[in-house]
Amino acid sequence: MAELAVTAMGPDRPGIVAAVAQVLAAHGGNVEDSAMTILGGRFSLVLLVDVDADAPTLEQALADATRDLGLHLSVEDAGATTESPEATHLLSVYGSDQPGILAGVAAALADAGANVTDLTTRLLGGGDVPVYAMVVELTVADEPQVRAAVEAVAEDLGVDFTLRALDTATY
């Protein structure tokens, strides 16, 4: 069995997940970790799979099966994988949209030693100034340090935030 990383992106349409999953199943694939989403009308997926095929064989099979879906595909050896860190905290950031919110918050988190395990952003509402919303799952060792770092950058950017610990027993 090979541990492979599969990525794909293309115009959103029904049937993408089914086509990819059928190819993986036909090659004895087990999806071990995944993220799939629609970004601006484009469907994106990232998969970590354990499969009975090498990367070139699987990539060709996926390309053949999804040719009519317009996907850009990549399959590569994932190497030795390790357990993903478990999120301990959830950070929400929101405010008037402007350049630099993601960069500022990400730098503050990195400087405070927080590890981003999942991150989603959206523009909400219309009008002249849409609201930028970001939700970040984090692994945090020192909550006061992370809170202080985010508080400082939030003040500089004029955005609001909430940081809360996750109850991992029920999350």
C-alpha atoms as a PDB file:
ATOM      1  CA  MET A   1       0.000   0.000   0.000  1.00  0.00           C
ATOM      2  CA  ALA A   2       1.164   3.499  -0.795  1.00  0.00           C
ATOM      3  CA  GLU A   3       0.457   6.619   1.244  1.00  0.00           C
ATOM      4  CA  LEU A   4      -0.410   9.301  -1.328  1.00  0.00           C
ATOM      5  CA  ALA A   5      -1.512  12.935  -1.241  1.00  0.00           C
ATOM      6  CA  VAL A   6      -4.196  13.771  -3.813  1.00  0.00           C
ATOM      7  CA  THR A   7      -5.150  17.357  -4.653  1.00  0.00           C
ATOM      8  CA  ALA A   8      -7.708  18.547  -7.176  1.00  0.00           C
ATOM      9  CA  MET A   9      -9.308  21.837  -8.106  1.00  0.00           C
ATOM     10  CA  GLY A  10     -11.791  22.786 -10.784  1.00  0.00           C
ATOM     11  CA  PRO A  11     -15.137  24.385 -11.502  1.00  0.00           C
ATOM     12  CA  ASP A  12     -17.729  23.322  -8.941  1.00  0.00           C
ATOM     13  CA  ARG A  13     -20.256  20.825 -10.228  1.00  0.00           C
ATOM     14  CA  PRO A  14     -22.058  17.709  -9.051  1.00  0.00           C
ATOM     15  CA  GLY A  15     -20.188  14.424  -9.278  1.00  0.00           C
ATOM     16  CA  ILE A  16     -16.611  15.440  -8.447  1.00  0.00           C
ATOM     17  CA  VAL A  17     -16.453  13.667  -5.082  1.00  0.00           C
ATOM     18  CA  ALA A  18     -18.201  10.589  -6.509  1.00  0.00           C
ATOM     19  CA  ALA A  19     -15.785  10.325  -9.467  1.00  0.00           C
ATOM     20  CA  VAL A  20     -12.702  10.659  -7.273  1.00  0.00           C
ATOM     21  CA  ALA A  21     -14.048   8.277  -4.612  1.00  0.00           C
ATOM     22  CA  GLN A  22     -14.908   5.624  -7.205  1.00  0.00           C
ATOM     23  CA  VAL A  23     -11.367   5.672  -8.603  1.00  0.00           C
ATOM     24  CA  LEU A  24      -9.914   5.420  -5.122  1.00  0.00           C
ATOM     25  CA  ALA A  25     -12.202   2.489  -4.256  1.00  0.00           C
ATOM     26  CA  ALA A  26     -11.271   0.726  -7.512  1.00  0.00           C
ATOM     27  CA  HIS A  27      -7.621   0.955  -6.469  1.00  0.00           C
ATOM     28  CA  GLY A  28      -8.227  -0.317  -2.919  1.00  0.00           C
ATOM     29  CA  GLY A  29      -7.960   3.199  -1.542  1.00  0.00           C
ATOM     30  CA  ASN A  30      -8.774   4.229   1.987  1.00  0.00           C
ATOM     31  CA  VAL A  31      -9.199   7.969   2.598  1.00  0.00           C
ATOM     32  CA  GLU A  32      -7.391   8.651   5.867  1.00  0.00           C
ATOM     33  CA  ASP A  33      -7.721  12.426   6.005  1.00  0.00           C
ATOM     34  CA  SER A  34      -9.519  14.926   3.783  1.00  0.00           C
ATOM     35  CA  ALA A  35     -10.584  18.499   3.268  1.00  0.00           C
ATOM     36  CA  MET A  36     -13.026  19.565   0.564  1.00  0.00           C
ATOM     37  CA  THR A  37     -14.614  22.945  -0.038  1.00  0.00           C
ATOM     38  CA  ILE A  38     -15.934  25.390  -2.614  1.00  0.00           C
ATOM     39  CA  LEU A  39     -13.863  28.549  -3.014  1.00  0.00           C
ATOM     40  CA  GLY A  40     -15.296  31.232  -5.264  1.00  0.00           C
ATOM     41  CA  GLY A  41     -17.156  28.718  -7.420  1.00  0.00           C
ATOM     42  CA  ARG A  42     -14.188  26.343  -7.612  1.00  0.00           C
ATOM     43  CA  PHE A  43     -14.251  22.981  -5.852  1.00  0.00           C
ATOM     44  CA  SER A  44     -11.039  22.024  -4.057  1.00  0.00           C
ATOM     45  CA  LEU A  45     -10.044  18.818  -2.362  1.00  0.00           C
ATOM     46  CA  VAL A  46      -7.004  17.534  -0.530  1.00  0.00           C
ATOM     47  CA  LEU A  47      -6.861  13.876   0.426  1.00  0.00           C
ATOM     48  CA  LEU A  48      -4.412  11.623   2.212  1.00  0.00           C
ATOM     49  CA  VAL A  49      -5.042   8.089   0.969  1.00  0.00           C
ATOM     50  CA  ASP A  50      -3.648   4.627   1.540  1.00  0.00           C
ATOM     51  CA  VAL A  51      -3.986   2.911  -1.834  1.00  0.00           C
ATOM     52  CA  ASP A  52      -2.892  -0.130  -3.879  1.00  0.00           C
ATOM     53  CA  ALA A  53      -1.354   1.997  -6.651  1.00  0.00           C
ATOM     54  CA  ASP A  54       1.664   4.167  -7.176  1.00  0.00           C
ATOM     55  CA  ALA A  55       1.312   7.923  -7.701  1.00  0.00           C
ATOM     56  CA  PRO A  56       1.575   7.964 -11.537  1.00  0.00           C
ATOM     57  CA  THR A  57      -0.951   5.125 -11.919  1.00  0.00           C
ATOM     58  CA  LEU A  58      -3.468   6.730  -9.578  1.00  0.00           C
ATOM     59  CA  GLU A  59      -3.026  10.182 -11.126  1.00  0.00           C
ATOM     60  CA  GLN A  60      -3.695   8.767 -14.612  1.00  0.00           C
ATOM     61  CA  ALA A  61      -6.766   6.862 -13.408  1.00  0.00           C
ATOM     62  CA  LEU A  62      -8.119  10.004 -11.742  1.00  0.00           C
ATOM     63  CA  ALA A  63      -7.393  12.110 -14.844  1.00  0.00           C
ATOM     64  CA  ASP A  64      -9.217   9.605 -17.060  1.00  0.00           C
ATOM     65  CA  ALA A  65     -12.244   9.418 -14.758  1.00  0.00           C
ATOM     66  CA  THR A  66     -12.551  13.179 -14.273  1.00  0.00           C
ATOM     67  CA  ARG A  67     -11.575  14.411 -17.748  1.00  0.00           C
ATOM     68  CA  ASP A  68     -15.050  15.911 -18.366  1.00  0.00           C
ATOM     69  CA  LEU A  69     -15.026  17.671 -14.965  1.00  0.00           C
ATOM     70  CA  GLY A  70     -12.145  20.042 -15.764  1.00  0.00           C
ATOM     71  CA  LEU A  71     -10.063  19.227 -12.703  1.00  0.00           C
ATOM     72  CA  HIS A  72      -6.408  20.056 -12.201  1.00  0.00           C
ATOM     73  CA  LEU A  73      -5.043  16.998 -10.371  1.00  0.00           C
ATOM     74  CA  SER A  74      -1.889  16.145  -8.513  1.00  0.00           C
ATOM     75  CA  VAL A  75      -0.920  12.880  -6.837  1.00  0.00           C
ATOM     76  CA  GLU A  76       2.329  12.551  -4.917  1.00  0.00           C
ATOM     77  CA  ASP A  77       3.952  10.305  -2.373  1.00  0.00           C
ATOM     78  CA  ALA A  78       2.904  11.551   1.055  1.00  0.00           C
ATOM     79  CA  GLY A  79       5.997  10.147   2.724  1.00  0.00           C
ATOM     80  CA  ALA A  80       5.860   9.058   6.306  1.00  0.00           C
ATOM     81  CA  THR A  81       2.808  10.702   7.799  1.00  0.00           C
ATOM     82  CA  THR A  82       2.317  11.503  11.434  1.00  0.00           C
ATOM     83  CA  GLU A  83      -0.736  12.165  13.526  1.00  0.00           C
ATOM     84  CA  SER A  84      -2.247  15.584  12.991  1.00  0.00           C
ATOM     85  CA  PRO A  85      -2.161  17.754  16.098  1.00  0.00           C
ATOM     86  CA  GLU A  86      -5.471  17.957  17.915  1.00  0.00           C
ATOM     87  CA  ALA A  87      -7.062  21.394  18.001  1.00  0.00           C
ATOM     88  CA  THR A  88      -7.345  22.841  21.487  1.00  0.00           C
ATOM     89  CA  HIS A  89      -8.830  26.271  20.711  1.00  0.00           C
ATOM     90  CA  LEU A  90     -11.129  28.049  18.295  1.00  0.00           C
ATOM     91  CA  LEU A  91     -10.384  31.613  17.175  1.00  0.00           C
ATOM     92  CA  SER A  92     -12.973  33.743  15.388  1.00  0.00           C
ATOM     93  CA  VAL A  93     -11.945  37.051  13.805  1.00  0.00           C
ATOM     94  CA  TYR A  94     -14.370  39.462  12.183  1.00  0.00           C
ATOM     95  CA  GLY A  95     -14.386  43.039  10.976  1.00  0.00           C
ATOM     96  CA  SER A  96     -14.547  45.310   7.951  1.00  0.00           C
ATOM     97  CA  ASP A  97     -12.783  43.680   5.030  1.00  0.00           C
ATOM     98  CA  GLN A  98      -9.309  45.016   4.299  1.00  0.00           C
ATOM     99  CA  PRO A  99      -6.003  43.645   3.043  1.00  0.00           C
ATOM    100  CA  GLY A 100      -3.731  42.176   5.690  1.00  0.00           C
ATOM    101  CA  ILE A 101      -6.139  40.566   8.161  1.00  0.00           C
ATOM    102  CA  LEU A 102      -5.083  36.997   7.388  1.00  0.00           C
ATOM    103  CA  ALA A 103      -1.392  37.930   7.234  1.00  0.00           C
ATOM    104  CA  GLY A 104      -1.506  39.838  10.510  1.00  0.00           C
ATOM    105  CA  VAL A 105      -3.409  37.206  12.453  1.00  0.00           C
ATOM    106  CA  ALA A 106      -1.338  34.325  11.021  1.00  0.00           C
ATOM    107  CA  ALA A 107       1.918  36.081  11.952  1.00  0.00           C
ATOM    108  CA  ALA A 108       0.652  36.768  15.482  1.00  0.00           C
ATOM    109  CA  LEU A 109      -0.333  33.123  15.909  1.00  0.00           C
ATOM    110  CA  ALA A 110       3.017  31.894  14.612  1.00  0.00           C
ATOM    111  CA  ASP A 111       4.922  34.292  16.864  1.00  0.00           C
ATOM    112  CA  ALA A 112       2.915  33.030  19.859  1.00  0.00           C
ATOM    113  CA  GLY A 113       3.675  29.400  18.996  1.00  0.00           C
ATOM    114  CA  ALA A 114       0.125  28.429  18.023  1.00  0.00           C
ATOM    115  CA  ASN A 115      -0.277  25.776  15.327  1.00  0.00           C
ATOM    116  CA  VAL A 116      -3.110  26.317  12.823  1.00  0.00           C
ATOM    117  CA  THR A 117      -4.934  23.018  12.256  1.00  0.00           C
ATOM    118  CA  ASP A 118      -7.804  24.407  10.160  1.00  0.00           C
ATOM    119  CA  LEU A 119      -8.642  27.845   8.796  1.00  0.00           C
ATOM    120  CA  THR A 120     -11.634  29.182   6.887  1.00  0.00           C
ATOM    121  CA  THR A 121     -12.345  32.712   5.700  1.00  0.00           C
ATOM    122  CA  ARG A 122     -15.434  34.271   4.125  1.00  0.00           C
ATOM    123  CA  LEU A 123     -16.668  37.655   3.034  1.00  0.00           C
ATOM    124  CA  LEU A 124     -20.126  38.234   4.464  1.00  0.00           C
ATOM    125  CA  GLY A 125     -22.744  40.667   3.263  1.00  0.00           C
ATOM    126  CA  GLY A 126     -22.594  43.015   0.382  1.00  0.00           C
ATOM    127  CA  GLY A 127     -22.514  46.717   0.145  1.00  0.00           C
ATOM    128  CA  ASP A 128     -19.527  48.989   0.220  1.00  0.00           C
ATOM    129  CA  VAL A 129     -17.667  47.279   3.070  1.00  0.00           C
ATOM    130  CA  PRO A 130     -18.278  43.549   3.457  1.00  0.00           C
ATOM    131  CA  VAL A 131     -17.439  41.836   6.744  1.00  0.00           C
ATOM    132  CA  TYR A 132     -14.376  39.591   6.742  1.00  0.00           C
ATOM    133  CA  ALA A 133     -14.871  36.505   8.890  1.00  0.00           C
ATOM    134  CA  MET A 134     -12.163  34.010   9.783  1.00  0.00           C
ATOM    135  CA  VAL A 135     -12.491  30.852  11.872  1.00  0.00           C
ATOM    136  CA  VAL A 136      -9.274  29.149  12.950  1.00  0.00           C
ATOM    137  CA  GLU A 137      -8.787  25.893  14.815  1.00  0.00           C
ATOM    138  CA  LEU A 138      -5.526  25.949  16.755  1.00  0.00           C
ATOM    139  CA  THR A 139      -3.263  23.878  18.903  1.00  0.00           C
ATOM    140  CA  VAL A 140      -2.273  26.231  21.718  1.00  0.00           C
ATOM    141  CA  ALA A 141       0.283  25.596  24.454  1.00  0.00           C
ATOM    142  CA  ASP A 142       0.126  29.029  26.113  1.00  0.00           C
ATOM    143  CA  GLU A 143      -3.355  30.578  25.874  1.00  0.00           C
ATOM    144  CA  PRO A 144      -2.478  33.898  27.549  1.00  0.00           C
ATOM    145  CA  GLN A 145       0.405  34.412  25.110  1.00  0.00           C
ATOM    146  CA  VAL A 146      -1.814  33.650  22.101  1.00  0.00           C
ATOM    147  CA  ARG A 147      -4.601  35.871  23.418  1.00  0.00           C
ATOM    148  CA  ALA A 148      -2.190  38.793  23.943  1.00  0.00           C
ATOM    149  CA  ALA A 149      -0.710  38.383  20.456  1.00  0.00           C
ATOM    150  CA  VAL A 150      -4.120  38.263  18.762  1.00  0.00           C
ATOM    151  CA  GLU A 151      -5.397  41.143  20.874  1.00  0.00           C
ATOM    152  CA  ALA A 152      -2.513  43.347  19.715  1.00  0.00           C
ATOM    153  CA  VAL A 153      -2.956  42.585  16.022  1.00  0.00           C
ATOM    154  CA  ALA A 154      -6.755  42.860  16.267  1.00  0.00           C
ATOM    155  CA  GLU A 155      -6.391  46.343  17.714  1.00  0.00           C
ATOM    156  CA  ASP A 156      -3.975  47.342  14.917  1.00  0.00           C
ATOM    157  CA  LEU A 157      -6.367  45.990  12.259  1.00  0.00           C
ATOM    158  CA  GLY A 158      -9.566  47.250  13.861  1.00  0.00           C
ATOM    159  CA  VAL A 159     -11.155  43.791  14.006  1.00  0.00           C
ATOM    160  CA  ASP A 160     -12.852  41.863  16.798  1.00  0.00           C
ATOM    161  CA  PHE A 161     -12.017  38.331  17.911  1.00  0.00           C
ATOM    162  CA  THR A 162     -13.013  35.564  20.266  1.00  0.00           C
ATOM    163  CA  LEU A 163     -10.702  32.808  21.466  1.00  0.00           C
ATOM    164  CA  ARG A 164     -12.077  29.853  23.344  1.00  0.00           C
ATOM    165  CA  ALA A 165     -10.864  26.462  24.423  1.00  0.00           C
ATOM    166  CA  LEU A 166     -12.450  23.488  22.723  1.00  0.00           C
ATOM    167  CA  ASP A 167     -14.020  20.767  24.785  1.00  0.00           C
ATOM    168  CA  THR A 168     -12.231  17.932  23.013  1.00  0.00           C
ATOM    169  CA  ALA A 169     -14.413  15.331  24.725  1.00  0.00           C
ATOM    170  CA  THR A 170     -17.479  16.578  22.846  1.00  0.00           C
ATOM    171  CA  TYR A 171     -15.956  18.326  19.846  1.00  0.00           C
END
